[in-house]
N, C-alpha and C. Protein backbone atom coordinates (compact mmCIF):
# COMPACT_ATOMS: atom_id res chain seq x y z
N MET A 1 11.28 13.26 13.85
CA MET A 1 10.81 11.79 13.66
C MET A 1 11.11 11.00 14.99
N ALA A 2 12.20 11.21 15.62
CA ALA A 2 12.59 10.52 16.85
C ALA A 2 11.49 10.79 17.95
N GLY A 3 11.12 9.72 18.59
CA GLY A 3 10.21 9.83 19.68
C GLY A 3 8.78 9.69 19.19
N ARG A 4 8.43 9.56 17.98
CA ARG A 4 7.12 9.31 17.51
C ARG A 4 6.61 7.84 18.00
N THR A 5 5.48 7.87 18.63
CA THR A 5 5.01 6.62 18.95
C THR A 5 4.16 6.00 17.91
N THR A 6 3.59 6.84 17.04
CA THR A 6 2.93 6.25 15.88
C THR A 6 3.29 7.05 14.72
N TRP A 7 2.95 6.53 13.58
CA TRP A 7 3.43 7.11 12.32
C TRP A 7 2.21 7.74 11.68
N THR A 8 2.40 9.03 11.19
CA THR A 8 1.35 9.73 10.49
C THR A 8 1.98 10.32 9.18
N SER A 9 1.58 9.86 8.07
CA SER A 9 2.12 10.44 6.83
C SER A 9 1.53 11.90 6.74
N LYS A 10 2.23 12.77 6.02
CA LYS A 10 1.89 14.20 5.84
C LYS A 10 0.77 14.06 4.77
N TYR A 11 0.56 13.07 4.02
CA TYR A 11 -0.55 12.95 3.08
C TYR A 11 -1.86 12.51 3.80
N GLN A 12 -2.67 13.45 4.06
CA GLN A 12 -3.92 13.23 4.65
C GLN A 12 -5.09 13.59 3.80
N PRO A 13 -6.36 13.19 4.18
CA PRO A 13 -7.50 13.42 3.30
C PRO A 13 -7.54 15.00 2.95
N GLY A 14 -7.85 15.16 1.61
CA GLY A 14 -7.95 16.48 1.22
C GLY A 14 -6.71 16.99 0.41
N LYS A 15 -5.66 16.31 0.59
CA LYS A 15 -4.37 16.64 -0.12
C LYS A 15 -4.23 15.86 -1.32
N LYS A 16 -3.48 16.37 -2.29
CA LYS A 16 -3.16 15.63 -3.50
C LYS A 16 -2.19 14.50 -3.24
N ALA A 17 -2.35 13.37 -3.75
CA ALA A 17 -1.36 12.29 -3.58
C ALA A 17 -0.19 12.62 -4.36
N PRO A 18 0.93 12.16 -3.98
CA PRO A 18 2.19 12.54 -4.81
C PRO A 18 2.17 11.81 -6.16
N ALA A 19 2.78 12.45 -7.06
CA ALA A 19 2.98 11.88 -8.38
C ALA A 19 4.07 10.87 -8.34
N PHE A 20 3.97 9.80 -9.16
CA PHE A 20 5.06 8.79 -9.20
C PHE A 20 5.02 7.95 -10.36
N LYS A 21 6.13 7.31 -10.60
CA LYS A 21 6.30 6.21 -11.66
C LYS A 21 6.97 4.97 -10.91
N ALA A 22 6.47 3.86 -11.11
CA ALA A 22 6.96 2.63 -10.40
C ALA A 22 6.84 1.38 -11.29
N THR A 23 7.51 0.34 -10.85
CA THR A 23 7.55 -0.95 -11.56
C THR A 23 6.66 -1.95 -10.87
N LEU A 24 5.84 -2.56 -11.72
CA LEU A 24 4.88 -3.65 -11.24
C LEU A 24 5.67 -4.91 -11.19
N HIS A 25 4.96 -6.00 -10.56
CA HIS A 25 5.42 -7.37 -10.39
C HIS A 25 5.88 -7.90 -11.76
N ASP A 26 5.31 -7.55 -12.77
CA ASP A 26 5.54 -8.16 -14.19
C ASP A 26 6.65 -7.34 -14.90
N GLY A 27 7.23 -6.42 -14.37
CA GLY A 27 8.17 -5.59 -15.06
C GLY A 27 7.68 -4.39 -15.78
N SER A 28 6.25 -4.31 -15.89
CA SER A 28 5.72 -3.10 -16.63
C SER A 28 5.76 -1.82 -15.69
N THR A 29 5.60 -0.76 -16.15
CA THR A 29 5.63 0.42 -15.24
C THR A 29 4.27 1.01 -15.15
N ILE A 30 4.07 1.70 -14.09
CA ILE A 30 2.78 2.36 -13.77
C ILE A 30 3.20 3.82 -13.30
N ALA A 31 2.31 4.71 -13.75
CA ALA A 31 2.53 6.09 -13.26
C ALA A 31 1.32 6.72 -12.80
N SER A 32 1.32 7.59 -11.85
CA SER A 32 0.16 8.15 -11.26
C SER A 32 -0.72 8.81 -12.30
N LYS A 33 -0.11 9.39 -13.41
CA LYS A 33 -0.94 10.03 -14.36
C LYS A 33 -1.77 8.97 -15.14
N ASP A 34 -1.43 7.66 -15.16
CA ASP A 34 -2.17 6.62 -15.74
C ASP A 34 -3.43 6.39 -14.89
N LEU A 35 -3.38 6.66 -13.58
CA LEU A 35 -4.47 6.34 -12.62
C LEU A 35 -5.42 7.47 -12.43
N LYS A 36 -5.12 8.69 -13.00
CA LYS A 36 -6.05 9.78 -12.80
C LYS A 36 -7.38 9.43 -13.53
N GLY A 37 -8.47 9.77 -12.84
CA GLY A 37 -9.83 9.35 -13.38
C GLY A 37 -10.32 8.01 -12.85
N LYS A 38 -9.49 7.34 -11.94
CA LYS A 38 -9.93 6.24 -11.38
C LYS A 38 -9.89 6.27 -9.84
N ARG A 39 -10.52 5.48 -9.17
CA ARG A 39 -10.53 5.49 -7.66
C ARG A 39 -9.50 4.40 -7.38
N VAL A 40 -8.55 4.74 -6.49
CA VAL A 40 -7.37 3.88 -6.29
C VAL A 40 -7.08 3.71 -4.88
N ILE A 41 -6.67 2.41 -4.49
CA ILE A 41 -6.29 2.09 -3.21
C ILE A 41 -4.86 1.73 -3.36
N ILE A 42 -3.84 2.38 -2.64
CA ILE A 42 -2.56 2.11 -2.66
C ILE A 42 -2.13 1.68 -1.17
N TYR A 43 -1.75 0.38 -0.97
CA TYR A 43 -1.46 0.12 0.41
C TYR A 43 0.02 -0.39 0.37
N PHE A 44 0.65 0.19 1.46
CA PHE A 44 2.19 -0.06 1.60
C PHE A 44 2.19 -1.17 2.83
N TYR A 45 3.02 -2.11 2.59
CA TYR A 45 3.27 -3.15 3.59
C TYR A 45 4.82 -3.59 3.64
N PRO A 46 5.20 -4.03 4.73
CA PRO A 46 6.74 -4.27 4.83
C PRO A 46 7.31 -5.36 4.01
N LYS A 47 6.57 -6.57 3.96
CA LYS A 47 7.33 -7.74 3.35
C LYS A 47 6.27 -8.85 2.92
N ASP A 48 6.57 -9.31 1.63
CA ASP A 48 5.84 -10.61 1.13
C ASP A 48 5.97 -11.69 2.09
N ASN A 49 4.96 -12.55 2.28
CA ASN A 49 5.04 -13.77 2.93
C ASN A 49 5.28 -13.71 4.40
N THR A 50 5.09 -12.48 4.98
CA THR A 50 5.05 -12.50 6.45
C THR A 50 3.65 -12.51 7.01
N PRO A 51 3.51 -12.98 8.22
CA PRO A 51 2.20 -13.29 8.77
C PRO A 51 1.16 -12.11 8.59
N THR A 52 1.48 -10.86 9.02
CA THR A 52 0.51 -9.79 9.00
C THR A 52 0.26 -9.34 7.52
N CYS A 53 1.29 -9.28 6.76
CA CYS A 53 1.33 -8.78 5.39
C CYS A 53 0.41 -9.82 4.62
N THR A 54 0.52 -11.01 4.86
CA THR A 54 -0.24 -12.06 4.10
C THR A 54 -1.66 -12.04 4.52
N THR A 55 -1.92 -11.75 5.89
CA THR A 55 -3.37 -11.56 6.26
C THR A 55 -4.02 -10.50 5.64
N GLU A 56 -3.24 -9.35 5.47
CA GLU A 56 -3.74 -8.07 4.91
C GLU A 56 -4.07 -8.30 3.51
N ALA A 57 -3.22 -8.87 2.78
CA ALA A 57 -3.34 -9.21 1.24
C ALA A 57 -4.49 -10.05 1.11
N CYS A 58 -4.62 -11.10 1.90
CA CYS A 58 -5.79 -12.13 1.68
C CYS A 58 -7.10 -11.44 2.05
N ASN A 59 -7.09 -10.55 2.99
CA ASN A 59 -8.34 -9.84 3.37
C ASN A 59 -8.80 -9.05 2.02
N LEU A 60 -7.86 -8.31 1.51
CA LEU A 60 -8.14 -7.47 0.38
C LEU A 60 -8.65 -8.48 -0.79
N ARG A 61 -7.89 -9.62 -0.99
CA ARG A 61 -8.26 -10.53 -1.96
C ARG A 61 -9.71 -11.11 -1.73
N ASP A 62 -10.01 -11.44 -0.55
CA ASP A 62 -11.34 -11.96 -0.30
C ASP A 62 -12.43 -10.87 -0.37
N ASN A 63 -12.09 -9.72 -0.35
CA ASN A 63 -13.13 -8.63 -0.56
C ASN A 63 -12.89 -7.81 -1.80
N TYR A 64 -12.14 -8.41 -2.78
CA TYR A 64 -11.80 -7.71 -3.97
C TYR A 64 -12.96 -7.44 -4.84
N ALA A 65 -13.90 -8.34 -5.00
CA ALA A 65 -15.10 -8.09 -5.75
C ALA A 65 -15.97 -6.96 -5.32
N ASP A 66 -16.08 -6.82 -3.93
CA ASP A 66 -16.77 -5.62 -3.37
C ASP A 66 -16.05 -4.35 -3.66
N LEU A 67 -14.71 -4.38 -3.44
CA LEU A 67 -13.87 -3.10 -3.68
C LEU A 67 -13.92 -2.73 -5.20
N LYS A 68 -13.83 -3.77 -5.98
CA LYS A 68 -13.82 -3.44 -7.33
C LYS A 68 -15.23 -2.93 -7.81
N LYS A 69 -16.38 -3.49 -7.27
CA LYS A 69 -17.66 -3.00 -7.49
C LYS A 69 -17.88 -1.59 -7.05
N ALA A 70 -17.18 -1.27 -5.97
CA ALA A 70 -17.17 0.17 -5.45
C ALA A 70 -16.33 1.14 -6.34
N GLY A 71 -15.70 0.56 -7.40
CA GLY A 71 -14.89 1.37 -8.29
C GLY A 71 -13.45 1.50 -8.04
N TYR A 72 -12.85 0.74 -7.15
CA TYR A 72 -11.51 0.82 -6.78
C TYR A 72 -10.55 -0.09 -7.56
N ALA A 73 -9.43 0.46 -7.94
CA ALA A 73 -8.26 -0.38 -8.43
C ALA A 73 -7.28 -0.50 -7.24
N ILE A 74 -6.77 -1.71 -6.98
CA ILE A 74 -5.84 -1.87 -5.72
C ILE A 74 -4.46 -2.09 -6.19
N TYR A 75 -3.60 -1.52 -5.52
CA TYR A 75 -2.01 -1.69 -5.77
C TYR A 75 -1.43 -1.84 -4.46
N GLY A 76 -0.69 -3.05 -4.16
CA GLY A 76 0.12 -3.16 -3.02
C GLY A 76 1.44 -2.74 -3.34
N VAL A 77 2.21 -2.24 -2.29
CA VAL A 77 3.56 -1.81 -2.45
C VAL A 77 4.49 -2.25 -1.37
N SER A 78 5.56 -2.92 -1.77
CA SER A 78 6.61 -3.27 -0.68
C SER A 78 7.96 -3.19 -1.38
N LYS A 79 9.06 -3.44 -0.66
CA LYS A 79 10.37 -3.38 -1.28
C LYS A 79 10.74 -4.68 -1.86
N ASP A 80 9.94 -5.62 -1.84
CA ASP A 80 10.29 -6.90 -2.38
C ASP A 80 10.39 -6.84 -3.84
N SER A 81 11.24 -7.88 -4.40
CA SER A 81 11.55 -7.93 -5.86
C SER A 81 10.27 -8.37 -6.63
N GLN A 82 10.41 -8.08 -7.95
CA GLN A 82 9.27 -8.41 -8.84
C GLN A 82 9.00 -10.05 -8.71
N LYS A 83 10.12 -10.82 -8.63
CA LYS A 83 10.05 -12.30 -8.57
C LYS A 83 9.27 -12.59 -7.25
N SER A 84 9.69 -12.05 -6.17
CA SER A 84 9.09 -12.27 -4.83
C SER A 84 7.57 -11.95 -4.95
N HIS A 85 7.24 -10.82 -5.53
CA HIS A 85 5.80 -10.41 -5.67
C HIS A 85 5.02 -11.51 -6.59
N GLN A 86 5.73 -11.93 -7.74
CA GLN A 86 5.11 -12.92 -8.46
C GLN A 86 4.80 -14.19 -7.69
N ASN A 87 5.73 -14.70 -6.98
CA ASN A 87 5.54 -15.85 -5.99
C ASN A 87 4.48 -15.64 -5.02
N PHE A 88 4.41 -14.42 -4.27
CA PHE A 88 3.50 -14.10 -3.38
C PHE A 88 2.11 -14.16 -3.97
N MET A 89 1.90 -13.45 -5.13
CA MET A 89 0.63 -13.35 -5.84
C MET A 89 0.11 -14.77 -6.21
N ALA A 90 1.06 -15.62 -6.76
CA ALA A 90 0.59 -16.99 -7.15
C ALA A 90 0.22 -17.88 -5.95
N LYS A 91 1.13 -17.69 -4.87
CA LYS A 91 0.74 -18.60 -3.75
C LYS A 91 -0.52 -18.25 -3.00
N TYR A 92 -0.92 -16.90 -3.06
CA TYR A 92 -2.20 -16.58 -2.29
C TYR A 92 -3.26 -15.99 -3.37
N ASP A 93 -3.12 -16.37 -4.72
CA ASP A 93 -4.15 -15.99 -5.61
C ASP A 93 -4.50 -14.59 -5.66
N LEU A 94 -3.70 -13.61 -5.48
CA LEU A 94 -3.91 -12.28 -5.32
C LEU A 94 -4.35 -11.67 -6.71
N PRO A 95 -5.57 -11.06 -6.84
CA PRO A 95 -6.07 -10.59 -8.08
C PRO A 95 -5.63 -9.11 -8.61
N PHE A 96 -4.89 -8.52 -7.66
CA PHE A 96 -4.42 -7.15 -7.94
C PHE A 96 -2.89 -7.05 -8.10
N PRO A 97 -2.43 -6.07 -8.77
CA PRO A 97 -0.95 -5.95 -8.94
C PRO A 97 -0.24 -5.48 -7.74
N LEU A 98 1.06 -5.83 -7.66
CA LEU A 98 1.93 -5.41 -6.67
C LEU A 98 3.16 -4.62 -7.23
N ILE A 99 3.44 -3.46 -6.52
CA ILE A 99 4.57 -2.62 -6.98
C ILE A 99 5.74 -3.00 -6.28
N SER A 100 6.92 -3.17 -7.08
CA SER A 100 8.11 -3.50 -6.50
C SER A 100 8.87 -2.10 -6.21
N ASP A 101 9.16 -1.83 -4.92
CA ASP A 101 9.83 -0.50 -4.45
C ASP A 101 11.06 -0.88 -3.62
N PRO A 102 12.16 -1.49 -4.42
CA PRO A 102 13.38 -1.91 -3.63
C PRO A 102 14.12 -0.86 -2.90
N GLU A 103 14.13 0.28 -3.33
CA GLU A 103 14.77 1.37 -2.59
C GLU A 103 13.82 2.31 -1.74
N ASN A 104 12.66 1.89 -1.55
CA ASN A 104 11.65 2.47 -0.83
C ASN A 104 11.34 3.93 -1.35
N GLU A 105 11.56 4.19 -2.69
CA GLU A 105 11.35 5.44 -3.23
C GLU A 105 9.93 5.90 -3.14
N LEU A 106 8.96 4.98 -3.43
CA LEU A 106 7.57 5.33 -3.44
C LEU A 106 7.16 5.47 -2.00
N ALA A 107 7.58 4.71 -1.06
CA ALA A 107 7.34 4.71 0.29
C ALA A 107 7.71 6.10 0.87
N LYS A 108 8.88 6.60 0.40
CA LYS A 108 9.35 7.92 0.96
C LYS A 108 8.47 8.96 0.29
N LYS A 109 8.11 8.89 -0.91
CA LYS A 109 7.26 9.95 -1.64
C LYS A 109 5.92 10.04 -0.87
N PHE A 110 5.34 8.94 -0.42
CA PHE A 110 4.08 8.90 0.33
C PHE A 110 4.35 9.16 1.87
N ASP A 111 5.56 9.32 2.24
CA ASP A 111 5.86 9.71 3.63
C ASP A 111 5.51 8.53 4.56
N VAL A 112 5.75 7.29 4.19
CA VAL A 112 5.38 6.17 5.08
C VAL A 112 6.67 5.31 5.38
N PHE A 113 7.91 5.87 5.11
CA PHE A 113 9.18 5.22 5.45
C PHE A 113 9.82 6.15 6.51
N GLY A 114 10.24 5.38 7.54
CA GLY A 114 10.90 6.19 8.60
C GLY A 114 11.30 5.30 9.84
N GLU A 115 11.62 5.88 10.86
CA GLU A 115 12.04 5.22 12.06
C GLU A 115 10.83 4.35 12.65
N LYS A 116 11.17 3.09 12.93
CA LYS A 116 10.25 2.14 13.41
C LYS A 116 10.78 1.32 14.51
N LYS A 117 10.04 1.19 15.59
CA LYS A 117 10.46 0.34 16.74
C LYS A 117 9.75 -1.05 16.63
N PHE A 118 10.56 -2.02 16.70
CA PHE A 118 9.90 -3.35 16.49
C PHE A 118 10.59 -4.32 17.43
N MET A 119 9.93 -4.90 18.39
CA MET A 119 10.61 -5.88 19.37
C MET A 119 11.83 -5.26 20.03
N GLY A 120 11.79 -3.95 20.32
CA GLY A 120 12.85 -3.31 21.03
C GLY A 120 13.87 -2.75 20.13
N ARG A 121 13.88 -3.15 18.85
CA ARG A 121 14.88 -2.67 17.86
C ARG A 121 14.25 -1.47 17.08
N VAL A 122 15.22 -0.45 16.90
CA VAL A 122 14.82 0.72 16.07
C VAL A 122 15.57 0.55 14.69
N SER A 123 14.72 0.67 13.60
CA SER A 123 15.32 0.69 12.24
C SER A 123 14.46 1.56 11.43
N GLU A 124 15.01 1.82 10.18
CA GLU A 124 14.16 2.58 9.21
C GLU A 124 13.40 1.50 8.41
N ALA A 125 12.13 1.78 8.35
CA ALA A 125 11.26 0.83 7.71
C ALA A 125 9.88 1.44 7.19
N VAL A 126 9.21 0.69 6.43
CA VAL A 126 7.91 1.04 5.90
C VAL A 126 6.83 1.00 7.03
N HIS A 127 6.02 1.93 7.24
CA HIS A 127 4.90 1.96 8.11
C HIS A 127 3.68 1.53 7.32
N ARG A 128 3.12 0.34 7.80
CA ARG A 128 1.91 -0.12 7.11
C ARG A 128 0.81 0.93 7.01
N THR A 129 0.47 1.51 5.84
CA THR A 129 -0.33 2.49 5.68
C THR A 129 -1.11 2.31 4.36
N THR A 130 -2.45 2.72 4.24
CA THR A 130 -3.22 2.67 3.05
C THR A 130 -3.78 4.01 2.72
N PHE A 131 -3.64 4.36 1.43
CA PHE A 131 -4.29 5.57 0.98
C PHE A 131 -5.42 5.20 0.08
N VAL A 132 -6.47 5.95 0.14
CA VAL A 132 -7.65 5.79 -0.75
C VAL A 132 -7.70 7.09 -1.34
N ILE A 133 -7.67 7.06 -2.78
CA ILE A 133 -7.50 8.19 -3.63
C ILE A 133 -8.55 8.29 -4.66
N ASP A 134 -9.07 9.54 -4.84
CA ASP A 134 -10.21 9.69 -5.84
C ASP A 134 -9.72 9.93 -7.12
N GLU A 135 -10.71 10.09 -8.13
CA GLU A 135 -10.47 10.26 -9.51
C GLU A 135 -9.65 11.49 -9.78
N ASP A 136 -9.58 12.48 -8.99
CA ASP A 136 -8.83 13.68 -9.12
C ASP A 136 -7.39 13.65 -8.48
N TRP A 137 -7.22 12.42 -7.99
CA TRP A 137 -5.84 12.16 -7.34
C TRP A 137 -5.65 12.83 -6.07
N LYS A 138 -6.85 12.99 -5.38
CA LYS A 138 -6.96 13.61 -4.05
C LYS A 138 -7.13 12.54 -3.08
N ILE A 139 -6.44 12.58 -1.97
CA ILE A 139 -6.57 11.51 -0.90
C ILE A 139 -7.98 11.74 -0.18
N ILE A 140 -8.74 10.60 -0.15
CA ILE A 140 -9.94 10.71 0.65
C ILE A 140 -9.86 9.98 1.93
N LYS A 141 -8.96 9.04 1.97
CA LYS A 141 -8.70 8.41 3.30
C LYS A 141 -7.18 7.95 3.46
N THR A 142 -6.76 8.17 4.68
CA THR A 142 -5.44 7.62 5.00
C THR A 142 -5.62 6.65 6.19
N ILE A 143 -5.25 5.41 6.02
CA ILE A 143 -5.46 4.42 7.12
C ILE A 143 -4.13 4.03 7.72
N HIS A 144 -3.99 4.35 9.00
CA HIS A 144 -2.88 3.97 9.82
C HIS A 144 -3.32 4.15 11.27
N PRO A 145 -3.35 3.11 12.17
CA PRO A 145 -2.97 1.77 11.81
C PRO A 145 -3.86 0.96 11.05
N VAL A 146 -3.30 -0.01 10.42
CA VAL A 146 -4.16 -0.77 9.56
C VAL A 146 -4.50 -2.11 10.41
N ASP A 147 -5.78 -2.53 10.22
CA ASP A 147 -6.19 -3.73 10.83
C ASP A 147 -6.25 -4.79 9.81
N ALA A 148 -5.12 -5.68 9.74
CA ALA A 148 -4.90 -6.55 8.61
C ALA A 148 -6.11 -7.48 8.35
N LYS A 149 -6.73 -7.92 9.53
CA LYS A 149 -7.79 -8.98 9.28
C LYS A 149 -9.20 -8.33 8.72
N ASN A 150 -9.24 -6.94 9.00
CA ASN A 150 -10.40 -6.22 8.53
C ASN A 150 -10.24 -5.04 7.66
N HIS A 151 -9.16 -5.27 6.87
CA HIS A 151 -8.61 -4.07 6.14
C HIS A 151 -9.64 -3.54 5.13
N ALA A 152 -10.34 -4.41 4.42
CA ALA A 152 -11.29 -4.01 3.42
C ALA A 152 -12.44 -3.22 4.18
N ALA A 153 -12.80 -3.61 5.30
CA ALA A 153 -13.91 -2.92 6.00
C ALA A 153 -13.51 -1.51 6.42
N GLN A 154 -12.20 -1.42 6.78
CA GLN A 154 -11.57 -0.07 7.13
C GLN A 154 -11.69 0.83 5.84
N ILE A 155 -11.43 0.26 4.74
CA ILE A 155 -11.43 1.10 3.47
C ILE A 155 -12.88 1.48 3.09
N MET A 156 -13.86 0.55 3.35
CA MET A 156 -15.21 0.84 2.91
C MET A 156 -15.94 1.71 3.89
N GLU A 157 -15.49 1.82 5.05
CA GLU A 157 -16.20 2.61 6.11
C GLU A 157 -16.59 3.97 5.60
């Protein structure tokens, strides 16, 4: 892990996405088994209400109708609390659910948590990454780096 200049999850196109169970912003739970048979976008981001994360979420919001028409369900994931997610969703009118991952368990399952250099500091953090998953729970696209301003276009390419 040390010395990597960019992050690449071991979950690449063609591989099965990991099974999981997680808590949504409203306290309900979601499990990967509930998502089989659907096309799913799971995007991992560092923190609610930060500039790049907000830009990314709003880009997905602004293109939500097209993504939904293409058959996708969208789930955002960060370590933020349910309350933080509820506020973030309300503030920016986000039409898709957010998963609260306070211990980064889901991020670790998807292999997007690890050493990160930011402004000269090295820390353990989430690497902004998006997974596009098909009905059979197979990854069809892994997006990293993410272009927050054009994220929906990256997904639809």
